[in-house]
Amino acid sequence: MIQEGAPVTFRCRLRAGGPSGDVDTVAAMAGAMVGAAVGMSGLDVRLQAWSACLNGRDTFRRNDLVALAHQLK
């Protein structure tokens, strides 16, 4: 578990492509893994502001994702 406020270096290498070339899904999975590892406090101010724009076809937003993540702990 990463301590709150501790500096974090996270490296992730995924191989994308294959027959379907589904690179955007692989990028989303990598982002999800990093987000799960560092949490909101691990994002700099710019990324925290950008994350406020996240939505899933206007049915859920960042706060919904954060609430879901807290349920998984």
N, C-alpha and C. Protein backbone atom coordinates (compact mmCIF):
# COMPACT_ATOMS: atom_id res chain seq x y z
N MET A 1 0.83 -1.18 0.00
CA MET A 1 0.00 0.00 0.00
C MET A 1 0.87 1.24 0.00
N ILE A 2 0.53 2.21 -0.77
CA ILE A 2 1.27 3.46 -0.88
C ILE A 2 0.80 4.41 0.20
N GLN A 3 1.73 4.98 0.95
CA GLN A 3 1.37 5.92 1.99
C GLN A 3 0.94 7.25 1.38
N GLU A 4 -0.05 7.87 2.02
CA GLU A 4 -0.56 9.15 1.56
C GLU A 4 0.55 10.19 1.51
N GLY A 5 0.68 10.88 0.41
CA GLY A 5 1.68 11.94 0.26
C GLY A 5 3.07 11.46 -0.11
N ALA A 6 3.28 10.15 -0.13
CA ALA A 6 4.60 9.62 -0.48
C ALA A 6 4.83 9.76 -1.99
N PRO A 7 6.06 10.12 -2.40
CA PRO A 7 6.33 10.19 -3.84
C PRO A 7 6.22 8.80 -4.46
N VAL A 8 5.68 8.75 -5.64
CA VAL A 8 5.43 7.47 -6.29
C VAL A 8 6.01 7.49 -7.70
N THR A 9 6.71 6.45 -8.05
CA THR A 9 7.12 6.23 -9.43
C THR A 9 6.42 4.96 -9.88
N PHE A 10 5.67 5.05 -10.94
CA PHE A 10 4.91 3.91 -11.42
C PHE A 10 5.25 3.70 -12.88
N ARG A 11 5.75 2.54 -13.18
CA ARG A 11 6.06 2.21 -14.58
C ARG A 11 5.16 1.07 -15.01
N CYS A 12 4.66 1.21 -16.20
CA CYS A 12 3.76 0.20 -16.74
C CYS A 12 4.09 0.01 -18.21
N ARG A 13 4.32 -1.22 -18.60
CA ARG A 13 4.58 -1.49 -20.01
C ARG A 13 3.59 -2.55 -20.46
N LEU A 14 2.80 -2.19 -21.43
CA LEU A 14 1.81 -3.09 -21.99
C LEU A 14 2.05 -3.22 -23.48
N ARG A 15 1.79 -4.38 -23.98
CA ARG A 15 1.92 -4.59 -25.41
C ARG A 15 0.55 -4.42 -26.05
N ALA A 16 0.46 -3.51 -26.97
CA ALA A 16 -0.81 -3.22 -27.62
C ALA A 16 -0.75 -3.65 -29.08
N GLY A 17 -1.88 -3.82 -29.63
CA GLY A 17 -1.93 -4.16 -31.05
C GLY A 17 -2.63 -5.48 -31.25
N GLY A 18 -2.01 -6.35 -31.97
CA GLY A 18 -2.64 -7.62 -32.27
C GLY A 18 -3.63 -7.47 -33.40
N PRO A 19 -4.43 -8.49 -33.62
CA PRO A 19 -5.36 -8.47 -34.75
C PRO A 19 -6.36 -7.33 -34.69
N SER A 20 -6.82 -7.00 -33.46
CA SER A 20 -7.85 -5.96 -33.38
C SER A 20 -7.26 -4.56 -33.28
N GLY A 21 -5.98 -4.44 -32.86
CA GLY A 21 -5.36 -3.13 -32.74
C GLY A 21 -6.05 -2.24 -31.73
N ASP A 22 -6.53 -2.83 -30.64
CA ASP A 22 -7.35 -2.12 -29.66
C ASP A 22 -6.48 -1.33 -28.69
N VAL A 23 -5.75 -0.37 -29.22
CA VAL A 23 -4.79 0.40 -28.44
C VAL A 23 -5.48 1.30 -27.41
N ASP A 24 -6.64 1.85 -27.73
CA ASP A 24 -7.31 2.75 -26.79
C ASP A 24 -7.76 2.00 -25.54
N THR A 25 -8.17 0.75 -25.69
CA THR A 25 -8.55 -0.05 -24.52
C THR A 25 -7.34 -0.35 -23.65
N VAL A 26 -6.23 -0.66 -24.27
CA VAL A 26 -5.00 -0.92 -23.51
C VAL A 26 -4.57 0.35 -22.77
N ALA A 27 -4.68 1.50 -23.41
CA ALA A 27 -4.34 2.76 -22.75
C ALA A 27 -5.26 3.01 -21.56
N ALA A 28 -6.53 2.71 -21.70
CA ALA A 28 -7.48 2.87 -20.60
C ALA A 28 -7.14 1.94 -19.44
N MET A 29 -6.76 0.71 -19.75
CA MET A 29 -6.38 -0.23 -18.69
C MET A 29 -5.13 0.25 -17.96
N ALA A 30 -4.15 0.75 -18.70
CA ALA A 30 -2.93 1.26 -18.08
C ALA A 30 -3.25 2.44 -17.17
N GLY A 31 -4.10 3.33 -17.63
CA GLY A 31 -4.51 4.46 -16.81
C GLY A 31 -5.25 4.03 -15.56
N ALA A 32 -6.08 3.03 -15.69
CA ALA A 32 -6.81 2.51 -14.53
C ALA A 32 -5.86 1.91 -13.50
N MET A 33 -4.84 1.21 -13.97
CA MET A 33 -3.87 0.61 -13.04
C MET A 33 -3.08 1.68 -12.31
N VAL A 34 -2.67 2.70 -13.02
CA VAL A 34 -1.93 3.79 -12.39
C VAL A 34 -2.82 4.52 -11.40
N GLY A 35 -4.04 4.80 -11.80
CA GLY A 35 -4.98 5.48 -10.90
C GLY A 35 -5.25 4.68 -9.64
N ALA A 36 -5.38 3.37 -9.79
CA ALA A 36 -5.60 2.52 -8.62
C ALA A 36 -4.39 2.52 -7.70
N ALA A 37 -3.21 2.63 -8.29
CA ALA A 37 -1.98 2.59 -7.49
C ALA A 37 -1.72 3.90 -6.76
N VAL A 38 -1.98 5.04 -7.40
CA VAL A 38 -1.62 6.32 -6.80
C VAL A 38 -2.81 7.07 -6.20
N GLY A 39 -4.03 6.78 -6.63
CA GLY A 39 -5.19 7.49 -6.11
C GLY A 39 -5.23 8.93 -6.56
N MET A 40 -6.27 9.63 -6.15
CA MET A 40 -6.43 11.04 -6.55
C MET A 40 -5.29 11.90 -6.03
N SER A 41 -4.78 11.59 -4.85
CA SER A 41 -3.71 12.41 -4.28
C SER A 41 -2.40 12.26 -5.06
N GLY A 42 -2.30 11.22 -5.88
CA GLY A 42 -1.11 11.02 -6.68
C GLY A 42 -1.11 11.80 -7.98
N LEU A 43 -2.22 12.45 -8.28
CA LEU A 43 -2.32 13.24 -9.51
C LEU A 43 -1.91 14.67 -9.24
N ASP A 44 -1.20 15.28 -10.18
CA ASP A 44 -0.86 16.69 -10.00
C ASP A 44 -2.11 17.54 -10.25
N VAL A 45 -2.01 18.82 -9.97
CA VAL A 45 -3.15 19.72 -10.05
C VAL A 45 -3.78 19.71 -11.44
N ARG A 46 -2.95 19.69 -12.47
CA ARG A 46 -3.46 19.69 -13.85
C ARG A 46 -4.29 18.45 -14.14
N LEU A 47 -3.80 17.28 -13.73
CA LEU A 47 -4.55 16.04 -13.98
C LEU A 47 -5.80 15.95 -13.11
N GLN A 48 -5.74 16.48 -11.89
CA GLN A 48 -6.95 16.49 -11.07
C GLN A 48 -8.03 17.35 -11.71
N ALA A 49 -7.64 18.49 -12.26
CA ALA A 49 -8.61 19.35 -12.94
C ALA A 49 -9.17 18.66 -14.17
N TRP A 50 -8.29 18.01 -14.93
CA TRP A 50 -8.74 17.29 -16.13
C TRP A 50 -9.69 16.16 -15.77
N SER A 51 -9.42 15.48 -14.65
CA SER A 51 -10.25 14.34 -14.28
C SER A 51 -11.69 14.75 -13.97
N ALA A 52 -11.91 16.02 -13.66
CA ALA A 52 -13.27 16.50 -13.42
C ALA A 52 -14.11 16.44 -14.69
N CYS A 53 -13.45 16.35 -15.85
CA CYS A 53 -14.16 16.29 -17.13
C CYS A 53 -14.54 14.87 -17.54
N LEU A 54 -14.05 13.89 -16.80
CA LEU A 54 -14.35 12.50 -17.16
C LEU A 54 -15.85 12.22 -17.07
N ASN A 55 -16.35 11.48 -18.04
CA ASN A 55 -17.74 11.03 -17.97
C ASN A 55 -17.91 9.84 -18.89
N GLY A 56 -18.89 9.05 -18.59
CA GLY A 56 -19.22 7.91 -19.42
C GLY A 56 -20.58 8.11 -20.05
N ARG A 57 -20.56 8.69 -21.22
CA ARG A 57 -21.79 8.98 -21.98
C ARG A 57 -22.79 9.74 -21.11
N ASP A 58 -22.25 10.63 -20.29
CA ASP A 58 -23.05 11.47 -19.39
C ASP A 58 -23.89 10.68 -18.40
N THR A 59 -23.53 9.41 -18.14
CA THR A 59 -24.26 8.62 -17.15
C THR A 59 -23.51 8.53 -15.83
N PHE A 60 -22.21 8.73 -15.85
CA PHE A 60 -21.43 8.78 -14.61
C PHE A 60 -20.26 9.72 -14.80
N ARG A 61 -19.76 10.20 -13.68
CA ARG A 61 -18.65 11.16 -13.69
C ARG A 61 -17.56 10.71 -12.72
N ARG A 62 -16.55 11.56 -12.55
CA ARG A 62 -15.40 11.23 -11.71
C ARG A 62 -15.83 10.80 -10.31
N ASN A 63 -16.73 11.54 -9.68
CA ASN A 63 -17.14 11.20 -8.31
C ASN A 63 -17.76 9.81 -8.22
N ASP A 64 -18.45 9.39 -9.27
CA ASP A 64 -19.02 8.04 -9.31
C ASP A 64 -17.91 6.99 -9.35
N LEU A 65 -16.86 7.27 -10.13
CA LEU A 65 -15.74 6.34 -10.20
C LEU A 65 -14.99 6.28 -8.87
N VAL A 66 -14.81 7.42 -8.22
CA VAL A 66 -14.13 7.46 -6.93
C VAL A 66 -14.94 6.67 -5.90
N ALA A 67 -16.26 6.85 -5.90
CA ALA A 67 -17.12 6.11 -4.96
C ALA A 67 -17.02 4.61 -5.20
N LEU A 68 -16.97 4.21 -6.45
CA LEU A 68 -16.83 2.79 -6.77
C LEU A 68 -15.49 2.26 -6.27
N ALA A 69 -14.44 3.04 -6.47
CA ALA A 69 -13.12 2.62 -6.01
C ALA A 69 -13.09 2.43 -4.51
N HIS A 70 -13.75 3.31 -3.76
CA HIS A 70 -13.79 3.17 -2.30
C HIS A 70 -14.55 1.91 -1.88
N GLN A 71 -15.53 1.50 -2.65
CA GLN A 71 -16.27 0.28 -2.35
C GLN A 71 -15.41 -0.96 -2.54
N LEU A 72 -14.41 -0.88 -3.41
CA LEU A 72 -13.57 -2.03 -3.70
C LEU A 72 -12.47 -2.26 -2.67
N LYS A 73 -12.20 -1.28 -1.82
CA LYS A 73 -11.11 -1.40 -0.84
C LYS A 73 -11.37 -2.50 0.15
